[in-house]
């Protein structure tokens, strides 16, 4: 898969996107350690993240997500 983002890309992140609802599969999110990854699986309130380049982060919980990427500048 071709990466959606490259190093140096600027993105607009919505921190309130997941205030009232849960993340969904295929959402692109920013994590607390400043990674931009796609949610590929969900299991019991945990989310498995993977980069479009194949780089996997692994399982995280909702509180580790800063917000949803809503726009690439």
C-alpha atoms as a PDB file:
ATOM      1  CA  UNK A   1       0.000   0.000   0.000  1.00  0.00           C
ATOM      2  CA  UNK A   2       1.282   3.485  -0.816  1.00  0.00           C
ATOM      3  CA  UNK A   3       1.824   5.587   2.333  1.00  0.00           C
ATOM      4  CA  UNK A   4      -0.822   8.273   2.832  1.00  0.00           C
ATOM      5  CA  UNK A   5       1.591  10.574   4.662  1.00  0.00           C
ATOM      6  CA  UNK A   6       5.274  11.389   4.237  1.00  0.00           C
ATOM      7  CA  UNK A   7       7.721  12.833   6.743  1.00  0.00           C
ATOM      8  CA  UNK A   8       7.108  16.559   6.986  1.00  0.00           C
ATOM      9  CA  UNK A   9       3.433  16.470   5.976  1.00  0.00           C
ATOM     10  CA  UNK A  10       1.185  18.699   8.070  1.00  0.00           C
ATOM     11  CA  UNK A  11      -2.142  17.354   9.267  1.00  0.00           C
ATOM     12  CA  UNK A  12      -5.187  18.768  10.997  1.00  0.00           C
ATOM     13  CA  UNK A  13      -6.203  16.631  13.981  1.00  0.00           C
ATOM     14  CA  UNK A  14      -9.581  16.692  15.712  1.00  0.00           C
ATOM     15  CA  UNK A  15      -9.167  16.047  19.424  1.00  0.00           C
ATOM     16  CA  UNK A  16     -12.948  15.963  19.999  1.00  0.00           C
ATOM     17  CA  UNK A  17     -13.724  13.310  17.361  1.00  0.00           C
ATOM     18  CA  UNK A  18     -13.636  10.515  19.909  1.00  0.00           C
ATOM     19  CA  UNK A  19     -15.126  12.390  22.833  1.00  0.00           C
ATOM     20  CA  UNK A  20     -18.642  11.051  22.131  1.00  0.00           C
ATOM     21  CA  UNK A  21     -17.880   8.056  19.908  1.00  0.00           C
ATOM     22  CA  UNK A  22     -15.278   5.339  19.567  1.00  0.00           C
ATOM     23  CA  UNK A  23     -12.629   5.078  16.856  1.00  0.00           C
ATOM     24  CA  UNK A  24     -13.496   2.916  13.860  1.00  0.00           C
ATOM     25  CA  UNK A  25     -11.527   0.624  11.587  1.00  0.00           C
ATOM     26  CA  UNK A  26      -9.742   2.604   8.802  1.00  0.00           C
ATOM     27  CA  UNK A  27      -9.646   5.824  10.858  1.00  0.00           C
ATOM     28  CA  UNK A  28      -6.239   7.493  10.735  1.00  0.00           C
ATOM     29  CA  UNK A  29      -5.224   8.614  14.215  1.00  0.00           C
ATOM     30  CA  UNK A  30      -2.399  10.370  16.037  1.00  0.00           C
ATOM     31  CA  UNK A  31      -1.088   8.629  19.145  1.00  0.00           C
ATOM     32  CA  UNK A  32       0.430  10.119  22.301  1.00  0.00           C
ATOM     33  CA  UNK A  33       3.903   9.296  21.010  1.00  0.00           C
ATOM     34  CA  UNK A  34       3.183  11.374  17.868  1.00  0.00           C
ATOM     35  CA  UNK A  35       2.700   8.521  15.408  1.00  0.00           C
ATOM     36  CA  UNK A  36       0.182   8.737  12.580  1.00  0.00           C
ATOM     37  CA  UNK A  37      -1.281   5.283  11.967  1.00  0.00           C
ATOM     38  CA  UNK A  38      -4.430   3.588  10.657  1.00  0.00           C
ATOM     39  CA  UNK A  39      -6.715   1.475  12.837  1.00  0.00           C
ATOM     40  CA  UNK A  40      -6.917  -1.963  11.228  1.00  0.00           C
ATOM     41  CA  UNK A  41      -8.525  -4.049  13.986  1.00  0.00           C
ATOM     42  CA  UNK A  42     -10.563  -3.616  17.141  1.00  0.00           C
ATOM     43  CA  UNK A  43     -10.952  -6.098  19.959  1.00  0.00           C
ATOM     44  CA  UNK A  44     -12.485  -5.492  23.385  1.00  0.00           C
ATOM     45  CA  UNK A  45     -11.832  -1.758  23.442  1.00  0.00           C
ATOM     46  CA  UNK A  46      -8.298  -2.050  22.083  1.00  0.00           C
ATOM     47  CA  UNK A  47      -7.169  -0.907  18.655  1.00  0.00           C
ATOM     48  CA  UNK A  48      -4.488  -2.402  16.444  1.00  0.00           C
ATOM     49  CA  UNK A  49      -2.565   0.213  14.492  1.00  0.00           C
ATOM     50  CA  UNK A  50      -0.580  -0.195  11.300  1.00  0.00           C
ATOM     51  CA  UNK A  51       1.100   2.279   9.001  1.00  0.00           C
ATOM     52  CA  UNK A  52       0.262   2.317   5.309  1.00  0.00           C
ATOM     53  CA  UNK A  53       3.906   1.337   4.733  1.00  0.00           C
ATOM     54  CA  UNK A  54       3.333  -1.856   6.734  1.00  0.00           C
ATOM     55  CA  UNK A  55       4.929  -0.625   9.974  1.00  0.00           C
ATOM     56  CA  UNK A  56       2.925  -1.970  12.885  1.00  0.00           C
ATOM     57  CA  UNK A  57       2.508  -0.256  16.241  1.00  0.00           C
ATOM     58  CA  UNK A  58       0.426  -2.962  17.841  1.00  0.00           C
ATOM     59  CA  UNK A  59      -2.469  -2.793  20.288  1.00  0.00           C
ATOM     60  CA  UNK A  60      -3.320   0.463  22.079  1.00  0.00           C
ATOM     61  CA  UNK A  61      -6.235   1.689  24.163  1.00  0.00           C
ATOM     62  CA  UNK A  62      -8.469   4.661  23.384  1.00  0.00           C
ATOM     63  CA  UNK A  63      -6.743   6.911  25.920  1.00  0.00           C
ATOM     64  CA  UNK A  64      -3.483   6.547  23.929  1.00  0.00           C
ATOM     65  CA  UNK A  65      -5.119   8.270  20.954  1.00  0.00           C
ATOM     66  CA  UNK A  66      -4.798  12.054  20.740  1.00  0.00           C
ATOM     67  CA  UNK A  67      -7.272  12.469  17.902  1.00  0.00           C
ATOM     68  CA  UNK A  68      -8.418  11.680  14.394  1.00  0.00           C
ATOM     69  CA  UNK A  69      -6.632  13.058  11.328  1.00  0.00           C
ATOM     70  CA  UNK A  70      -9.288  14.986   9.412  1.00  0.00           C
ATOM     71  CA  UNK A  71      -7.216  16.821   6.808  1.00  0.00           C
ATOM     72  CA  UNK A  72      -3.780  16.732   5.195  1.00  0.00           C
ATOM     73  CA  UNK A  73      -2.414  20.231   4.533  1.00  0.00           C
END
